[in-house]
Amino acid sequence: MPTRAFLTVDTELMWRHHAAGLPISEIAERSLEPAGVGIGYQLRRFADHGLRATFFVDPMPAVAYGLDPIKRVVGAILEAGQEVQLHLHPNWAAARDDDRTAAASFELIDFTFAEQRDLIAAASDLLVAAGAPRPVAFRSGSYSASDDTLAALAELGIRYDSSHNGSEHPWPSAIGLNPRQIAPVEHRGVIEVPVTLIEDVRGHLRHFQICALSTAEMRDALDHAVSAGHAAVTIVSHGFELANRSGTRPNAVHVQRFDSLCAMLAERKGGIETAQFADLPDLPLDRADSPLGPSLIRTRMRQAQQLWSNLVSERAA
């Protein structure tokens, strides 16, 4: 059986633009379609390479701005044949357009079990109101989830979670699993599909995200998963991640990584197949999959690349 690749895009309105007082049109543009390399660009690249992806969409900004921005992005994703699942940044639950300082806690794990269940239920209803099917998978904003989160998801009938990120453990990724757990596993009534990790230096974990790994690290992580027969590889991106932090121009380093990743996944079809949660058959569970081991050369090359990204590509135009 080929390794399944979950190509996931966390899709959200960015709080920093809200807090800066930008109008909702500009918040949506810089968050979802920044500098021509946002959701539309990613959807086109996925289509070009025949890849299936999951967009974890946060509908909670509708509390402050209404459903229209969420409806537009949900519609675009579904029209492109990709799936929409549930994302949640709880700080938006108390957001207001007329008071940009108003916010709930930024971390879902700060809430009680009952509060988490109610927040997730409310977000699920908003997502459906925006035109998405009822979600079967969830990822918490900032990977902030605990065993209470998984119990709440199970109670609400959401089958999959993808919040466990060992590089952010034990805070805010606080699920009671080993930090090195990267294989899907049943835990607290749901199937946890952890974010894939590599060990960049001995004893230090780094997660498989476009802005976190170099092209070489991503290539080696994919090849490691295939050669070791891993059950799954879970990759993270964001709608805004291919642009600079201001959302005003592309980040050339991140765009190159994203394009290379799409090509690498397409080249490895047969060994790796991209999958979606909504039509997922049973995943192999309880595999002893382990992260790619460290390489000083790979790490130093990425650090040099990151320096260029931070000094040049991240500067606003």
Protein backbone atom coordinates (compact mmCIF):
# COMPACT_ATOMS: atom_id res chain seq x y z
CA MET A 1 0.00 0.00 0.00
CA PRO A 2 1.44 3.44 -0.89
CA THR A 3 2.12 6.00 1.80
CA ARG A 4 -0.77 8.45 2.01
CA ALA A 5 0.14 12.12 1.87
CA PHE A 6 -2.15 14.61 3.54
CA LEU A 7 -1.38 17.89 1.80
CA THR A 8 -3.02 20.36 4.17
CA VAL A 9 -3.48 24.13 3.97
CA ASP A 10 -4.57 26.02 7.09
CA THR A 11 -6.87 28.71 5.73
CA GLU A 12 -7.72 31.69 7.91
CA LEU A 13 -8.04 35.44 8.20
CA MET A 14 -4.90 36.71 9.89
CA TRP A 15 -5.34 38.29 13.29
CA ARG A 16 -2.40 40.65 12.80
CA HIS A 17 -4.20 42.42 9.96
CA HIS A 18 -7.41 42.62 11.99
CA ALA A 19 -5.53 44.05 15.00
CA ALA A 20 -3.81 46.58 12.71
CA GLY A 21 -7.21 48.03 11.84
CA LEU A 22 -7.25 47.10 8.15
CA PRO A 23 -10.64 46.94 6.39
CA ILE A 24 -12.10 43.48 5.91
CA SER A 25 -11.48 43.56 2.14
CA GLU A 26 -7.77 44.04 2.75
CA ILE A 27 -7.66 41.52 5.60
CA ALA A 28 -9.18 38.91 3.28
CA GLU A 29 -6.87 39.80 0.41
CA ARG A 30 -3.66 39.66 2.47
CA SER A 31 -4.76 36.48 4.27
CA LEU A 32 -6.28 34.43 1.44
CA GLU A 33 -4.90 35.82 -1.84
CA PRO A 34 -1.72 37.72 -0.92
CA ALA A 35 0.43 38.96 -3.79
CA GLY A 36 -1.01 36.44 -6.25
CA VAL A 37 0.38 33.40 -4.38
CA GLY A 38 -2.53 32.58 -2.06
CA ILE A 39 -5.31 30.01 -2.22
CA GLY A 40 -5.95 30.49 -5.94
CA TYR A 41 -2.30 29.91 -6.79
CA GLN A 42 -2.12 26.81 -4.60
CA LEU A 43 -5.30 25.39 -6.11
CA ARG A 44 -3.91 25.84 -9.62
CA ARG A 45 -0.63 24.15 -8.73
CA PHE A 46 -2.45 21.20 -7.13
CA ALA A 47 -4.56 20.84 -10.28
CA ASP A 48 -1.49 21.08 -12.53
CA HIS A 49 0.12 18.16 -10.68
CA GLY A 50 -3.01 16.09 -10.08
CA LEU A 51 -2.75 16.39 -6.29
CA ARG A 52 -5.52 16.11 -3.73
CA ALA A 53 -5.43 18.48 -0.78
CA THR A 54 -7.29 19.39 2.40
CA PHE A 55 -7.99 23.00 3.29
CA PHE A 56 -8.59 23.41 7.01
CA VAL A 57 -10.78 26.54 6.98
CA ASP A 58 -11.37 28.71 10.06
CA PRO A 59 -14.90 30.18 9.88
CA MET A 60 -14.70 32.03 13.22
CA PRO A 61 -13.87 35.48 11.75
CA ALA A 62 -17.52 35.46 10.66
CA VAL A 63 -18.27 36.49 14.25
CA ALA A 64 -16.84 39.93 13.44
CA TYR A 65 -17.26 40.17 9.66
CA GLY A 66 -20.06 37.90 8.57
CA LEU A 67 -19.90 34.80 6.40
CA ASP A 68 -19.18 36.36 2.99
CA PRO A 69 -15.33 36.10 3.13
CA ILE A 70 -15.63 32.50 4.33
CA LYS A 71 -18.21 31.60 1.68
CA ARG A 72 -15.96 32.89 -1.08
CA VAL A 73 -12.94 30.84 -0.08
CA VAL A 74 -14.99 27.71 0.67
CA GLY A 75 -16.65 28.00 -2.74
CA ALA A 76 -13.33 28.38 -4.53
CA ILE A 77 -11.85 25.32 -2.80
CA LEU A 78 -14.84 23.09 -3.47
CA GLU A 79 -15.14 24.25 -7.08
CA ALA A 80 -11.52 23.21 -7.60
CA GLY A 81 -12.33 19.70 -6.38
CA GLN A 82 -10.44 19.95 -3.10
CA GLU A 83 -11.90 19.33 0.33
CA VAL A 84 -12.76 21.68 3.19
CA GLN A 85 -12.31 20.59 6.80
CA LEU A 86 -12.46 22.51 10.09
CA HIS A 87 -9.82 24.85 11.52
CA LEU A 88 -10.32 26.98 14.64
CA HIS A 89 -8.56 29.93 16.21
CA PRO A 90 -10.68 30.60 19.32
CA ASN A 91 -9.55 34.22 19.77
CA TRP A 92 -12.01 35.15 16.99
CA ALA A 93 -14.94 34.04 19.17
CA ALA A 94 -14.98 37.44 20.90
CA ALA A 95 -13.74 39.52 17.95
CA ARG A 96 -15.45 42.75 16.94
CA ASP A 97 -15.02 44.96 13.92
CA ASP A 98 -15.53 48.11 16.03
CA ASP A 99 -13.05 47.10 18.76
CA ARG A 100 -9.96 45.42 17.37
CA THR A 101 -8.61 44.72 20.90
CA ALA A 102 -11.48 42.38 21.81
CA ALA A 103 -10.43 38.72 21.78
CA ALA A 104 -10.92 35.43 23.57
CA SER A 105 -7.91 33.29 24.51
CA PHE A 106 -5.66 32.47 21.56
CA GLU A 107 -5.12 28.85 22.67
CA LEU A 108 -7.90 26.27 22.55
CA ILE A 109 -6.28 24.33 25.40
CA ASP A 110 -7.00 27.26 27.74
CA PHE A 111 -10.71 26.36 27.62
CA THR A 112 -12.51 23.65 29.58
CA PHE A 113 -13.75 20.49 27.90
CA ALA A 114 -17.29 21.87 27.69
CA GLU A 115 -16.08 25.20 26.32
CA GLN A 116 -13.94 23.47 23.71
CA ARG A 117 -16.85 21.28 22.64
CA ASP A 118 -19.13 24.31 22.30
CA LEU A 119 -16.52 26.30 20.34
CA ILE A 120 -15.90 23.42 17.94
CA ALA A 121 -19.63 22.84 17.50
CA ALA A 122 -20.23 26.53 16.77
CA ALA A 123 -17.33 26.63 14.29
CA SER A 124 -18.61 23.50 12.55
CA ASP A 125 -22.04 25.08 12.14
CA LEU A 126 -20.49 28.26 10.71
CA LEU A 127 -18.43 26.24 8.24
CA VAL A 128 -21.54 24.41 7.03
CA ALA A 129 -23.40 27.73 6.77
CA ALA A 130 -20.54 28.93 4.55
CA GLY A 131 -21.25 26.08 2.12
CA ALA A 132 -18.94 23.29 3.27
CA PRO A 133 -20.02 19.71 3.99
CA ARG A 134 -20.19 18.78 7.67
CA PRO A 135 -16.51 18.36 8.67
CA VAL A 136 -15.04 14.99 9.53
CA ALA A 137 -11.53 16.31 10.29
CA PHE A 138 -10.14 19.09 12.48
CA ARG A 139 -6.94 20.98 13.15
CA SER A 140 -6.66 23.48 15.98
CA GLY A 141 -5.05 26.84 15.34
CA SER A 142 -1.38 26.87 16.42
CA TYR A 143 -1.72 23.07 16.91
CA SER A 144 -3.25 23.93 20.31
CA ALA A 145 -5.09 20.78 21.33
CA SER A 146 -5.28 18.43 24.30
CA ASP A 147 -6.92 15.13 25.13
CA ASP A 148 -10.02 17.17 26.05
CA THR A 149 -10.04 18.48 22.47
CA LEU A 150 -10.05 14.96 21.07
CA ALA A 151 -12.79 13.89 23.47
CA ALA A 152 -14.87 16.87 22.35
CA LEU A 153 -14.31 15.97 18.69
CA ALA A 154 -15.38 12.38 19.38
CA GLU A 155 -18.55 13.60 21.09
CA LEU A 156 -19.33 15.78 18.07
CA GLY A 157 -18.77 12.96 15.58
CA ILE A 158 -15.60 14.40 14.02
CA ARG A 159 -13.54 11.34 13.16
CA TYR A 160 -10.04 12.73 12.49
CA ASP A 161 -7.76 15.24 14.17
CA SER A 162 -4.45 16.55 12.83
CA SER A 163 -3.27 18.82 15.65
CA HIS A 164 -0.51 16.71 17.21
CA ASN A 165 2.81 18.38 16.41
CA GLY A 166 5.71 17.00 18.40
CA SER A 167 7.89 20.02 17.63
CA GLU A 168 5.37 22.15 19.58
CA HIS A 169 4.87 19.66 22.42
CA PRO A 170 3.97 19.99 25.29
CA TRP A 171 2.70 23.53 24.64
CA PRO A 172 0.57 24.44 22.87
CA SER A 173 0.34 21.01 21.22
CA ALA A 174 -0.64 19.19 24.40
CA ILE A 175 -2.22 15.93 23.24
CA GLY A 176 -1.08 13.02 25.41
CA LEU A 177 1.03 11.28 22.77
CA ASN A 178 4.77 10.84 22.41
CA PRO A 179 6.26 13.92 20.72
CA ARG A 180 7.82 11.62 18.10
CA GLN A 181 4.47 10.07 17.16
CA ILE A 182 4.00 10.61 13.43
CA ALA A 183 1.94 7.54 12.47
CA PRO A 184 -1.87 7.72 12.61
CA VAL A 185 -3.17 6.35 15.88
CA GLU A 186 -6.53 6.03 17.61
CA HIS A 187 -6.57 8.19 20.72
CA ARG A 188 -9.43 9.40 22.91
CA GLY A 189 -12.06 8.27 20.45
CA VAL A 190 -10.68 9.81 17.24
CA ILE A 191 -7.99 8.98 14.70
CA GLU A 192 -5.06 11.30 15.28
CA VAL A 193 -3.11 12.02 12.09
CA PRO A 194 -0.02 13.82 13.42
CA VAL A 195 1.96 16.41 11.53
CA THR A 196 5.07 14.77 10.08
CA LEU A 197 8.41 15.60 11.72
CA ILE A 198 12.08 15.35 10.93
CA GLU A 199 14.98 15.42 13.36
CA ASP A 200 17.09 18.28 12.02
CA VAL A 201 19.77 17.99 14.70
CA ARG A 202 20.00 15.14 17.16
CA GLY A 203 17.23 15.40 19.74
CA HIS A 204 15.47 18.34 18.04
CA LEU A 205 12.26 17.91 16.04
CA ARG A 206 11.07 20.15 13.19
CA HIS A 207 7.67 19.82 11.55
CA PHE A 208 6.94 19.37 7.84
CA GLN A 209 5.75 22.85 6.91
CA ILE A 210 6.64 24.85 3.81
CA CYS A 211 8.20 27.68 5.79
CA ALA A 212 10.03 25.28 8.15
CA LEU A 213 11.83 22.81 5.86
CA SER A 214 14.07 23.28 2.86
CA THR A 215 13.37 21.56 -0.43
CA ALA A 216 16.12 19.03 0.31
CA GLU A 217 14.65 18.27 3.74
CA MET A 218 11.19 17.79 2.23
CA ARG A 219 12.58 15.52 -0.49
CA ASP A 220 14.46 13.38 2.01
CA ALA A 221 11.45 13.21 4.35
CA LEU A 222 9.23 11.95 1.50
CA ASP A 223 11.81 9.38 0.40
CA HIS A 224 12.30 8.25 4.00
CA ALA A 225 8.54 7.71 4.37
CA VAL A 226 8.36 5.65 1.17
CA SER A 227 11.41 3.52 1.89
CA ALA A 228 10.28 2.83 5.47
CA GLY A 229 6.68 2.12 4.42
CA HIS A 230 5.12 4.84 6.54
CA ALA A 231 1.35 4.93 6.80
CA ALA A 232 1.12 8.66 6.18
CA VAL A 233 2.95 11.92 5.62
CA THR A 234 1.14 15.02 6.85
CA ILE A 235 2.32 18.31 5.33
CA VAL A 236 1.29 21.80 6.44
CA SER A 237 1.01 25.04 4.54
CA HIS A 238 -1.08 28.20 4.98
CA GLY A 239 -3.06 30.33 2.60
CA PHE A 240 -0.73 33.25 3.29
CA GLU A 241 2.55 31.36 3.62
CA LEU A 242 3.90 31.93 0.12
CA ALA A 243 3.87 35.72 0.59
CA ASN A 244 5.82 37.92 3.00
CA ARG A 245 4.33 38.62 6.43
CA SER A 246 2.70 41.81 5.20
CA GLY A 247 1.03 39.97 2.32
CA THR A 248 2.37 42.51 -0.17
CA ARG A 249 4.70 40.42 -2.33
CA PRO A 250 5.68 36.79 -2.87
CA ASN A 251 8.31 35.16 -0.70
CA ALA A 252 10.45 33.66 -3.45
CA VAL A 253 12.00 31.05 -1.15
CA HIS A 254 8.62 29.73 -0.02
CA VAL A 255 7.13 29.78 -3.53
CA GLN A 256 10.08 27.74 -4.82
CA ARG A 257 9.68 25.23 -1.98
CA PHE A 258 5.94 24.90 -2.61
CA ASP A 259 6.37 24.41 -6.35
CA SER A 260 9.13 21.86 -5.76
CA LEU A 261 6.99 19.98 -3.24
CA CYS A 262 4.12 19.70 -5.72
CA ALA A 263 6.53 18.35 -8.36
CA MET A 264 8.09 15.88 -5.93
CA LEU A 265 4.70 14.50 -4.88
CA ALA A 266 3.68 14.12 -8.51
CA GLU A 267 6.94 12.33 -9.33
CA ARG A 268 6.44 9.88 -6.47
CA LYS A 269 2.93 8.73 -7.40
CA GLY A 270 2.71 5.02 -6.74
CA GLY A 271 4.92 5.31 -3.69
CA ILE A 272 2.99 8.25 -2.24
CA GLU A 273 -0.65 9.06 -2.98
CA THR A 274 -2.30 12.27 -1.83
CA ALA A 275 -5.48 11.63 0.13
CA GLN A 276 -8.46 13.48 1.56
CA PHE A 277 -10.18 12.82 4.86
CA ALA A 278 -13.76 12.78 3.60
CA ASP A 279 -13.34 9.64 1.47
CA LEU A 280 -10.54 8.01 3.42
CA PRO A 281 -10.65 4.24 3.87
CA ASP A 282 -9.32 2.85 7.10
CA LEU A 283 -5.78 4.00 7.81
CA PRO A 284 -3.20 1.56 9.13
CA LEU A 285 -2.88 2.37 12.83
CA ASP A 286 -0.23 1.86 15.47
CA ARG A 287 2.69 1.71 13.04
CA ALA A 288 6.11 2.43 14.55
CA ASP A 289 6.94 5.15 12.00
CA SER A 290 9.83 7.37 13.05
CA PRO A 291 11.03 10.78 11.86
CA LEU A 292 13.83 11.22 9.36
CA GLY A 293 17.15 11.34 11.20
CA PRO A 294 19.43 14.38 11.39
CA SER A 295 21.85 15.65 8.75
CA LEU A 296 24.17 18.53 9.55
CA ILE A 297 24.60 19.40 5.85
CA ARG A 298 20.83 19.56 5.22
CA THR A 299 20.29 21.66 8.32
CA ARG A 300 23.07 24.15 7.53
CA MET A 301 21.80 24.55 3.96
CA ARG A 302 18.29 25.28 5.23
CA GLN A 303 19.57 27.75 7.81
CA ALA A 304 21.37 29.67 5.06
CA GLN A 305 18.21 29.61 2.98
CA GLN A 306 16.16 30.84 5.95
CA LEU A 307 18.56 33.71 6.47
CA TRP A 308 18.05 34.81 2.86
CA SER A 309 14.28 34.45 3.26
CA ASN A 310 14.22 36.58 6.41
CA LEU A 311 16.59 39.28 5.16
CA VAL A 312 15.33 39.59 1.59
CA SER A 313 12.10 37.78 0.77
CA GLU A 314 10.27 38.85 3.94
CA ARG A 315 10.89 42.56 3.42
CA ALA A 316 7.77 44.41 2.41
CA ALA A 317 7.77 46.03 -1.01
